[in-house]
C-alpha cells in the first residue's frame, strides 16, 4: 500500500506543476535581468577610462584644488564601476543557483514522489 492516496497524488501533482511553473518564471525573470544588466555594464564600462583620460588632459590646465576634486571624483567613479561589476557577478551567481535549485527540486519530485 502506498503512502499517498489517489487524491493526495493528484494534489501533489498539481502542486508540482504549479511550483515548477513558478520556478521557471523566476528563472526567466532573473535571466532577463542578467542580460539587461550585462549589456548596460558593457555599454558603460569604458566611461571611467574616458573620464580618466579627460582628467589627465585637464590636469595641467586646472588649479590644484580643481584637479584634486576631479581626481577624487574619478576615484568615486572607479568604485561605482567595481560595484556595478559586483552586481553583474552577483546576479550571474543568483541565476546559476536558481537553475541548479530548479533542477534539484525537479529531481527530488521525480525521485521521492514517483509521480511522473
N, C-alpha and C. Protein backbone atom coordinates (compact mmCIF):
# COMPACT_ATOMS: atom_id res chain seq x y z
N UNK A 1 0.84 -1.18 0.00
CA UNK A 1 0.00 0.00 0.00
C UNK A 1 0.89 1.24 0.00
N UNK A 2 0.55 2.22 -0.81
CA UNK A 2 1.34 3.43 -0.93
C UNK A 2 1.09 4.41 0.21
N UNK A 3 1.97 5.34 0.32
CA UNK A 3 1.84 6.37 1.35
C UNK A 3 0.73 7.35 1.00
N UNK A 4 0.60 7.65 -0.29
CA UNK A 4 -0.36 8.65 -0.72
C UNK A 4 -1.60 7.99 -1.32
N UNK A 5 -2.74 8.58 -1.04
CA UNK A 5 -3.97 8.13 -1.69
C UNK A 5 -4.01 8.73 -3.09
N UNK A 6 -4.95 8.28 -3.89
CA UNK A 6 -5.09 8.79 -5.25
C UNK A 6 -5.33 10.30 -5.24
N UNK A 7 -6.16 10.76 -4.30
CA UNK A 7 -6.47 12.19 -4.19
C UNK A 7 -5.22 12.98 -3.75
N UNK A 8 -4.44 12.40 -2.82
CA UNK A 8 -3.20 13.05 -2.38
C UNK A 8 -2.23 13.20 -3.55
N UNK A 9 -2.13 12.16 -4.36
CA UNK A 9 -1.22 12.21 -5.51
C UNK A 9 -1.65 13.29 -6.49
N UNK A 10 -2.95 13.43 -6.68
CA UNK A 10 -3.45 14.45 -7.59
C UNK A 10 -3.10 15.84 -7.07
N UNK A 11 -3.29 16.06 -5.77
CA UNK A 11 -2.97 17.35 -5.16
C UNK A 11 -1.47 17.62 -5.28
N UNK A 12 -0.65 16.60 -5.01
CA UNK A 12 0.79 16.75 -5.12
C UNK A 12 1.22 17.04 -6.55
N UNK A 13 0.60 16.38 -7.51
CA UNK A 13 0.93 16.64 -8.92
C UNK A 13 0.59 18.09 -9.29
N UNK A 14 -0.54 18.57 -8.83
CA UNK A 14 -0.91 19.96 -9.11
C UNK A 14 0.08 20.92 -8.45
N UNK A 15 0.48 20.59 -7.22
CA UNK A 15 1.47 21.41 -6.53
C UNK A 15 2.79 21.42 -7.29
N UNK A 16 3.21 20.27 -7.77
CA UNK A 16 4.46 20.15 -8.52
C UNK A 16 4.40 21.01 -9.78
N UNK A 17 3.32 20.89 -10.51
CA UNK A 17 3.17 21.66 -11.75
C UNK A 17 3.21 23.15 -11.46
N UNK A 18 2.49 23.56 -10.43
CA UNK A 18 2.44 24.99 -10.08
C UNK A 18 3.81 25.48 -9.63
N UNK A 19 4.50 24.71 -8.78
CA UNK A 19 5.80 25.16 -8.29
C UNK A 19 6.84 25.17 -9.41
N UNK A 20 6.80 24.18 -10.31
CA UNK A 20 7.73 24.19 -11.44
C UNK A 20 7.49 25.40 -12.33
N UNK A 21 6.24 25.73 -12.53
CA UNK A 21 5.90 26.92 -13.33
C UNK A 21 6.47 28.17 -12.66
N UNK A 22 6.32 28.26 -11.34
CA UNK A 22 6.84 29.42 -10.61
C UNK A 22 8.36 29.49 -10.68
N UNK A 23 9.03 28.34 -10.51
CA UNK A 23 10.49 28.32 -10.60
C UNK A 23 10.96 28.76 -11.99
N UNK A 24 10.30 28.30 -13.02
CA UNK A 24 10.70 28.67 -14.37
C UNK A 24 10.43 30.15 -14.63
N UNK A 25 9.36 30.69 -14.08
CA UNK A 25 9.10 32.12 -14.22
C UNK A 25 10.19 32.94 -13.54
N UNK A 26 10.59 32.50 -12.35
CA UNK A 26 11.66 33.21 -11.63
C UNK A 26 12.97 33.11 -12.40
N UNK A 27 13.28 31.93 -12.93
CA UNK A 27 14.49 31.75 -13.74
C UNK A 27 14.49 32.70 -14.92
N UNK A 28 13.37 32.75 -15.61
CA UNK A 28 13.26 33.60 -16.79
C UNK A 28 13.46 35.07 -16.42
N UNK A 29 12.86 35.50 -15.33
CA UNK A 29 12.98 36.89 -14.91
C UNK A 29 14.42 37.22 -14.51
N UNK A 30 15.06 36.33 -13.77
CA UNK A 30 16.45 36.55 -13.38
C UNK A 30 17.34 36.62 -14.62
N UNK A 31 17.12 35.71 -15.56
CA UNK A 31 17.93 35.70 -16.78
C UNK A 31 17.74 36.99 -17.59
N UNK A 32 16.50 37.48 -17.64
CA UNK A 32 16.25 38.74 -18.36
C UNK A 32 16.96 39.91 -17.67
N UNK A 33 16.90 39.96 -16.34
CA UNK A 33 17.61 41.00 -15.60
C UNK A 33 19.11 40.90 -15.84
N UNK A 34 19.63 39.68 -15.86
CA UNK A 34 21.06 39.49 -16.06
C UNK A 34 21.49 39.98 -17.43
N UNK A 35 20.74 39.65 -18.45
CA UNK A 35 21.07 40.10 -19.80
C UNK A 35 21.04 41.62 -19.87
N UNK A 36 20.00 42.23 -19.29
CA UNK A 36 19.90 43.69 -19.29
C UNK A 36 21.07 44.33 -18.55
N UNK A 37 21.36 43.81 -17.36
CA UNK A 37 22.44 44.37 -16.55
C UNK A 37 23.79 44.21 -17.23
N UNK A 38 24.04 43.04 -17.82
CA UNK A 38 25.31 42.82 -18.50
C UNK A 38 25.47 43.77 -19.69
N UNK A 39 24.41 43.94 -20.46
CA UNK A 39 24.53 44.83 -21.62
C UNK A 39 24.73 46.28 -21.19
N UNK A 40 24.03 46.71 -20.15
CA UNK A 40 24.22 48.07 -19.63
C UNK A 40 25.65 48.25 -19.12
N UNK A 41 26.14 47.26 -18.40
CA UNK A 41 27.50 47.34 -17.87
C UNK A 41 28.52 47.43 -19.00
N UNK A 42 28.37 46.58 -20.01
CA UNK A 42 29.31 46.59 -21.12
C UNK A 42 29.26 47.90 -21.90
N UNK A 43 28.05 48.46 -22.05
CA UNK A 43 27.92 49.74 -22.76
C UNK A 43 28.65 50.85 -22.02
N UNK A 44 28.59 50.83 -20.70
CA UNK A 44 29.10 51.95 -19.91
C UNK A 44 30.45 51.68 -19.26
N UNK A 45 31.04 50.53 -19.49
CA UNK A 45 32.29 50.21 -18.81
C UNK A 45 33.45 51.09 -19.25
N UNK A 46 33.40 51.65 -20.42
CA UNK A 46 34.50 52.47 -20.91
C UNK A 46 34.41 53.92 -20.44
N UNK A 47 33.30 54.30 -19.83
CA UNK A 47 33.11 55.70 -19.42
C UNK A 47 34.18 56.14 -18.42
N UNK A 48 34.52 55.28 -17.49
CA UNK A 48 35.52 55.64 -16.47
C UNK A 48 36.87 55.89 -17.13
N UNK A 49 37.25 55.03 -18.06
CA UNK A 49 38.53 55.23 -18.75
C UNK A 49 38.53 56.53 -19.54
N UNK A 50 37.43 56.81 -20.21
CA UNK A 50 37.34 58.06 -20.97
C UNK A 50 37.42 59.26 -20.04
N UNK A 51 36.75 59.16 -18.89
CA UNK A 51 36.79 60.25 -17.93
C UNK A 51 38.21 60.44 -17.39
N UNK A 52 38.91 59.35 -17.12
CA UNK A 52 40.29 59.45 -16.64
C UNK A 52 41.20 60.10 -17.68
N UNK A 53 40.98 59.81 -18.93
CA UNK A 53 41.75 60.46 -20.00
C UNK A 53 41.48 61.97 -20.01
N UNK A 54 40.23 62.33 -19.84
CA UNK A 54 39.86 63.75 -19.79
C UNK A 54 40.52 64.43 -18.59
N UNK A 55 40.48 63.76 -17.45
CA UNK A 55 41.12 64.32 -16.25
C UNK A 55 42.60 64.54 -16.49
N UNK A 56 43.26 63.58 -17.11
CA UNK A 56 44.69 63.73 -17.39
C UNK A 56 44.97 64.90 -18.32
N UNK A 57 44.09 65.10 -19.28
CA UNK A 57 44.25 66.24 -20.20
C UNK A 57 44.05 67.56 -19.48
N UNK A 58 43.10 67.60 -18.55
CA UNK A 58 42.77 68.84 -17.86
C UNK A 58 43.67 69.15 -16.68
N UNK A 59 44.41 68.17 -16.22
CA UNK A 59 45.27 68.33 -15.04
C UNK A 59 46.17 69.57 -15.12
N UNK A 60 46.78 69.73 -16.25
CA UNK A 60 47.74 70.83 -16.43
C UNK A 60 47.04 72.18 -16.52
N UNK A 61 45.80 72.18 -16.92
CA UNK A 61 45.10 73.43 -17.18
C UNK A 61 44.31 73.94 -15.97
N UNK A 62 44.15 73.12 -14.97
CA UNK A 62 43.32 73.49 -13.83
C UNK A 62 44.17 73.81 -12.60
N UNK A 63 43.61 74.60 -11.72
CA UNK A 63 44.31 74.83 -10.45
C UNK A 63 44.33 73.54 -9.63
N UNK A 64 45.26 73.41 -8.71
CA UNK A 64 45.41 72.17 -7.93
C UNK A 64 44.14 71.74 -7.19
N UNK A 65 43.37 72.67 -6.69
CA UNK A 65 42.16 72.29 -5.95
C UNK A 65 41.14 71.64 -6.89
N UNK A 66 41.00 72.16 -8.08
CA UNK A 66 40.06 71.56 -9.04
C UNK A 66 40.57 70.21 -9.54
N UNK A 67 41.88 70.12 -9.71
CA UNK A 67 42.47 68.85 -10.13
C UNK A 67 42.22 67.79 -9.07
N UNK A 68 42.39 68.17 -7.80
CA UNK A 68 42.14 67.23 -6.71
C UNK A 68 40.68 66.79 -6.70
N UNK A 69 39.77 67.72 -6.91
CA UNK A 69 38.34 67.38 -6.95
C UNK A 69 38.06 66.42 -8.09
N UNK A 70 38.64 66.65 -9.25
CA UNK A 70 38.44 65.75 -10.39
C UNK A 70 39.00 64.36 -10.10
N UNK A 71 40.17 64.29 -9.49
CA UNK A 71 40.76 63.00 -9.16
C UNK A 71 39.92 62.26 -8.12
N UNK A 72 39.39 62.98 -7.15
CA UNK A 72 38.51 62.36 -6.15
C UNK A 72 37.25 61.81 -6.83
N UNK A 73 36.71 62.61 -7.73
CA UNK A 73 35.51 62.17 -8.45
C UNK A 73 35.83 60.94 -9.31
N UNK A 74 37.00 60.93 -9.91
CA UNK A 74 37.42 59.80 -10.72
C UNK A 74 37.53 58.54 -9.86
N UNK A 75 38.06 58.67 -8.66
CA UNK A 75 38.15 57.53 -7.75
C UNK A 75 36.77 57.02 -7.36
N UNK A 76 35.84 57.93 -7.15
CA UNK A 76 34.47 57.51 -6.83
C UNK A 76 33.83 56.79 -8.01
N UNK A 77 34.12 57.24 -9.21
CA UNK A 77 33.61 56.55 -10.40
C UNK A 77 34.17 55.14 -10.50
N UNK A 78 35.44 54.98 -10.14
CA UNK A 78 36.03 53.64 -10.14
C UNK A 78 35.30 52.73 -9.15
N UNK A 79 34.94 53.27 -8.00
CA UNK A 79 34.18 52.48 -7.02
C UNK A 79 32.80 52.11 -7.55
N UNK A 80 32.18 53.03 -8.27
CA UNK A 80 30.86 52.75 -8.87
C UNK A 80 30.99 51.63 -9.90
N UNK A 81 32.07 51.68 -10.69
CA UNK A 81 32.28 50.64 -11.70
C UNK A 81 32.50 49.28 -11.03
N UNK A 82 33.30 49.25 -9.94
CA UNK A 82 33.50 48.00 -9.21
C UNK A 82 32.19 47.47 -8.65
N UNK A 83 31.39 48.38 -8.13
CA UNK A 83 30.09 47.99 -7.58
C UNK A 83 29.19 47.41 -8.68
N UNK A 84 29.19 48.03 -9.84
CA UNK A 84 28.39 47.53 -10.97
C UNK A 84 28.88 46.16 -11.40
N UNK A 85 30.20 45.97 -11.44
CA UNK A 85 30.75 44.67 -11.82
C UNK A 85 30.34 43.61 -10.81
N UNK A 86 30.41 43.95 -9.52
CA UNK A 86 29.99 43.01 -8.49
C UNK A 86 28.51 42.68 -8.61
N UNK A 87 27.70 43.67 -8.99
CA UNK A 87 26.27 43.43 -9.19
C UNK A 87 26.02 42.45 -10.33
N UNK A 88 26.74 42.59 -11.41
CA UNK A 88 26.61 41.67 -12.54
C UNK A 88 27.03 40.27 -12.10
N UNK A 89 28.15 40.17 -11.40
CA UNK A 89 28.62 38.87 -10.94
C UNK A 89 27.65 38.23 -9.96
N UNK A 90 27.08 39.03 -9.07
CA UNK A 90 26.13 38.50 -8.09
C UNK A 90 24.87 37.99 -8.79
N UNK A 91 24.39 38.73 -9.78
CA UNK A 91 23.19 38.29 -10.50
C UNK A 91 23.49 37.05 -11.32
N UNK A 92 24.69 36.94 -11.85
CA UNK A 92 25.09 35.74 -12.59
C UNK A 92 25.10 34.53 -11.65
N UNK A 93 25.63 34.70 -10.45
CA UNK A 93 25.63 33.62 -9.47
C UNK A 93 24.21 33.26 -9.05
N UNK A 94 23.38 34.26 -8.84
CA UNK A 94 21.98 34.02 -8.48
C UNK A 94 21.28 33.23 -9.58
N UNK A 95 21.53 33.59 -10.82
CA UNK A 95 20.94 32.87 -11.95
C UNK A 95 21.39 31.42 -11.97
N UNK A 96 22.70 31.21 -11.79
CA UNK A 96 23.23 29.86 -11.78
C UNK A 96 22.63 29.05 -10.62
N UNK A 97 22.56 29.65 -9.44
CA UNK A 97 22.00 28.96 -8.28
C UNK A 97 20.52 28.63 -8.48
N UNK A 98 19.79 29.54 -9.10
CA UNK A 98 18.36 29.29 -9.36
C UNK A 98 18.19 28.13 -10.33
N UNK A 99 19.02 28.06 -11.36
CA UNK A 99 18.95 26.94 -12.31
C UNK A 99 19.25 25.62 -11.60
N UNK A 100 20.28 25.63 -10.75
CA UNK A 100 20.62 24.42 -10.00
C UNK A 100 19.48 24.00 -9.09
N UNK A 101 18.91 24.96 -8.38
CA UNK A 101 17.83 24.66 -7.45
C UNK A 101 16.62 24.08 -8.18
N UNK A 102 16.29 24.65 -9.31
CA UNK A 102 15.16 24.14 -10.08
C UNK A 102 15.39 22.71 -10.51
N UNK A 103 16.59 22.41 -10.98
CA UNK A 103 16.91 21.04 -11.40
C UNK A 103 16.87 20.07 -10.22
N UNK A 104 17.41 20.51 -9.07
CA UNK A 104 17.41 19.66 -7.88
C UNK A 104 15.99 19.36 -7.42
N UNK A 105 15.17 20.36 -7.40
CA UNK A 105 13.78 20.16 -6.96
C UNK A 105 13.05 19.24 -7.93
N UNK A 106 13.30 19.42 -9.21
CA UNK A 106 12.67 18.56 -10.20
C UNK A 106 13.11 17.10 -9.98
N UNK A 107 14.40 16.90 -9.75
CA UNK A 107 14.90 15.54 -9.47
C UNK A 107 14.27 14.98 -8.20
N UNK A 108 14.16 15.83 -7.17
CA UNK A 108 13.55 15.37 -5.91
C UNK A 108 12.11 14.92 -6.13
N UNK A 109 11.36 15.68 -6.91
CA UNK A 109 9.98 15.29 -7.21
C UNK A 109 9.96 13.92 -7.89
N UNK A 110 10.81 13.78 -8.88
CA UNK A 110 10.84 12.52 -9.63
C UNK A 110 11.31 11.36 -8.75
N UNK A 111 12.35 11.61 -7.97
CA UNK A 111 12.95 10.54 -7.19
C UNK A 111 12.10 10.11 -6.01
N UNK A 112 11.62 11.05 -5.22
CA UNK A 112 10.97 10.72 -3.96
C UNK A 112 9.44 10.54 -4.06
N UNK A 113 8.84 11.21 -5.00
CA UNK A 113 7.39 11.15 -5.06
C UNK A 113 6.88 10.18 -6.14
N UNK A 114 7.74 9.84 -7.08
CA UNK A 114 7.38 8.89 -8.16
C UNK A 114 6.02 9.22 -8.79
N UNK A 115 5.84 10.49 -9.10
CA UNK A 115 4.54 10.90 -9.65
C UNK A 115 4.56 11.01 -11.15
N UNK A 116 5.67 10.92 -11.76
CA UNK A 116 5.72 11.14 -13.21
C UNK A 116 5.82 9.84 -13.94
